[in-house]
Amino acid sequence: MAFENVNYLAILVAGIISMVVGFLWYGPLFGKAWMRLSGFDSKKIDESKKKGMTKSYIIMFIATLIFACVLATLLGMMSITTFTRGMWIGFLVWLGFYATSGLGMLLWEGKPFKLYVINMLHYLVVLLIIGGMLAVWR
């Protein structure tokens, strides 16, 4: 019932966009800083690759598809049909859910503030793009 009016091609594209942004964000743009702040070195990355990062990418892609379905449903329920309004809802979702719940890594895990900023800005960029796209691509 909830996902009956969702454009599944748009959901798939949203998932791909999220993965591409993540690749760029945690690769050439902020990869070195993220690795340093997260406590990763090339040895740990090589170990992760040997353990099978493909499974993690697949799980994250599926999670992104679910998130995009929920976001598209919310946009539809609110009758949001413009790119800028979709971006606004994406921003509100980021502010209300991602930015606030992500504070746990600062408060309880002792992660550096710069790591929080890198991660949260990644989510903001993704939510702005896919929020706008899902609003207009019905």
Protein backbone atom coordinates (compact mmCIF):
# COMPACT_ATOMS: atom_id res chain seq x y z
CA MET A 1 0.00 0.00 0.00
CA ALA A 2 2.63 2.56 1.01
CA PHE A 3 4.87 2.13 -2.03
CA GLU A 4 2.21 1.67 -4.72
CA ASN A 5 2.66 5.13 -6.31
CA VAL A 6 6.45 5.10 -6.29
CA ASN A 7 8.45 5.29 -9.50
CA TYR A 8 10.83 2.37 -9.06
CA LEU A 9 13.11 3.51 -11.87
CA ALA A 10 13.56 6.81 -10.01
CA ILE A 11 14.31 4.83 -6.83
CA LEU A 12 16.97 2.81 -8.66
CA VAL A 13 18.53 6.00 -10.07
CA ALA A 14 18.48 7.55 -6.57
CA GLY A 15 20.39 4.53 -5.28
CA ILE A 16 22.94 4.84 -8.07
CA ILE A 17 23.32 8.59 -7.48
CA SER A 18 23.92 7.94 -3.79
CA MET A 19 26.64 5.39 -4.56
CA VAL A 20 28.33 7.70 -7.10
CA VAL A 21 28.30 10.63 -4.66
CA GLY A 22 29.65 8.32 -1.95
CA PHE A 23 32.41 7.08 -4.25
CA LEU A 24 33.47 10.64 -5.06
CA TRP A 25 33.00 11.92 -1.50
CA TYR A 26 34.94 9.17 0.25
CA GLY A 27 37.36 8.78 -2.63
CA PRO A 28 39.01 11.72 -4.39
CA LEU A 29 37.23 14.51 -2.48
CA PHE A 30 37.59 13.58 1.21
CA GLY A 31 38.90 10.01 1.19
CA LYS A 32 42.28 10.68 2.74
CA ALA A 33 40.87 12.88 5.48
CA TRP A 34 38.05 10.41 6.18
CA MET A 35 40.51 7.51 6.41
CA ARG A 36 42.78 9.42 8.78
CA LEU A 37 39.94 10.64 10.98
CA SER A 38 38.34 7.17 11.05
CA GLY A 39 41.59 5.51 12.04
CA PHE A 40 41.97 3.56 8.80
CA ASP A 41 45.23 3.00 7.04
CA SER A 42 45.98 1.24 3.76
CA LYS A 43 46.58 -2.04 5.62
CA LYS A 44 43.10 -1.97 7.21
CA ILE A 45 41.55 -1.09 3.86
CA ASP A 46 43.34 -4.02 2.19
CA GLU A 47 42.08 -6.33 4.97
CA SER A 48 38.53 -5.07 4.43
CA LYS A 49 38.81 -5.70 0.70
CA LYS A 50 39.95 -9.27 1.36
CA LYS A 51 37.01 -9.84 3.72
CA GLY A 52 34.62 -8.84 0.97
CA MET A 53 33.55 -5.23 0.77
CA THR A 54 31.16 -6.17 -2.01
CA LYS A 55 28.66 -7.50 0.53
CA SER A 56 28.80 -4.20 2.43
CA TYR A 57 28.24 -2.21 -0.77
CA ILE A 58 25.24 -4.37 -1.68
CA ILE A 59 23.69 -4.00 1.78
CA MET A 60 24.24 -0.24 1.71
CA PHE A 61 22.72 -0.02 -1.78
CA ILE A 62 19.63 -1.92 -0.62
CA ALA A 63 19.36 0.35 2.44
CA THR A 64 19.55 3.37 0.13
CA LEU A 65 16.78 1.96 -2.06
CA ILE A 66 14.58 1.53 1.00
CA PHE A 67 15.36 5.07 2.14
CA ALA A 68 14.56 6.42 -1.33
CA CYS A 69 11.23 4.54 -1.35
CA VAL A 70 10.29 6.07 1.98
CA LEU A 71 11.37 9.55 0.88
CA ALA A 72 9.44 9.23 -2.39
CA THR A 73 6.38 8.11 -0.45
CA LEU A 74 6.62 11.08 1.90
CA LEU A 75 7.06 13.47 -1.02
CA GLY A 76 3.99 11.97 -2.68
CA MET A 77 1.93 12.18 0.50
CA MET A 78 2.84 15.86 0.77
CA SER A 79 2.19 16.43 -2.96
CA ILE A 80 5.71 17.84 -3.43
CA THR A 81 6.36 18.10 -7.19
CA THR A 82 9.11 20.70 -7.62
CA PHE A 83 12.85 20.16 -7.41
CA THR A 84 13.39 22.94 -4.87
CA ARG A 85 10.58 21.72 -2.60
CA GLY A 86 11.99 18.20 -2.84
CA MET A 87 15.37 19.57 -1.86
CA TRP A 88 13.73 21.38 1.07
CA ILE A 89 12.20 18.12 2.32
CA GLY A 90 15.58 16.43 1.81
CA PHE A 91 17.17 19.16 3.91
CA LEU A 92 14.56 18.77 6.66
CA VAL A 93 15.04 15.00 6.72
CA TRP A 94 18.79 15.56 6.97
CA LEU A 95 18.47 18.15 9.72
CA GLY A 96 15.87 16.29 11.75
CA PHE A 97 17.18 12.75 11.41
CA TYR A 98 20.72 12.50 10.05
CA ALA A 99 22.45 15.54 11.55
CA THR A 100 20.89 15.00 14.96
CA SER A 101 21.28 11.23 15.25
CA GLY A 102 24.80 11.48 13.84
CA LEU A 103 25.79 13.47 16.92
CA GLY A 104 26.10 10.13 18.70
CA MET A 105 29.44 9.55 17.01
CA LEU A 106 30.69 12.76 18.62
CA LEU A 107 29.10 12.38 22.02
CA TRP A 108 29.35 8.64 22.66
CA GLU A 109 31.96 7.28 20.28
CA GLY A 110 34.48 10.09 20.68
CA LYS A 111 34.90 10.59 16.93
CA PRO A 112 36.43 13.85 15.73
CA PHE A 113 34.16 16.76 14.81
CA LYS A 114 35.74 16.91 11.33
CA LEU A 115 34.67 13.30 10.71
CA TYR A 116 31.13 14.21 11.72
CA VAL A 117 31.20 17.12 9.27
CA ILE A 118 32.51 14.98 6.40
CA ASN A 119 29.88 12.29 6.98
CA MET A 120 26.96 14.63 7.56
CA LEU A 121 27.73 16.83 4.57
CA HIS A 122 27.82 13.69 2.43
CA TYR A 123 24.30 12.82 3.59
CA LEU A 124 23.17 16.40 3.03
CA VAL A 125 24.39 16.42 -0.57
CA VAL A 126 22.74 13.06 -1.29
CA LEU A 127 19.44 14.09 0.32
CA LEU A 128 19.33 17.37 -1.57
CA ILE A 129 19.94 15.67 -4.91
CA ILE A 130 17.64 12.70 -4.50
CA GLY A 131 14.96 14.72 -2.68
CA GLY A 132 14.76 17.09 -5.64
CA MET A 133 14.92 14.31 -8.20
CA LEU A 134 12.25 12.14 -6.54
CA ALA A 135 9.91 15.13 -6.25
CA VAL A 136 9.86 15.78 -10.00
CA TRP A 137 10.32 12.24 -11.31
CA ARG A 138 6.99 10.61 -10.53
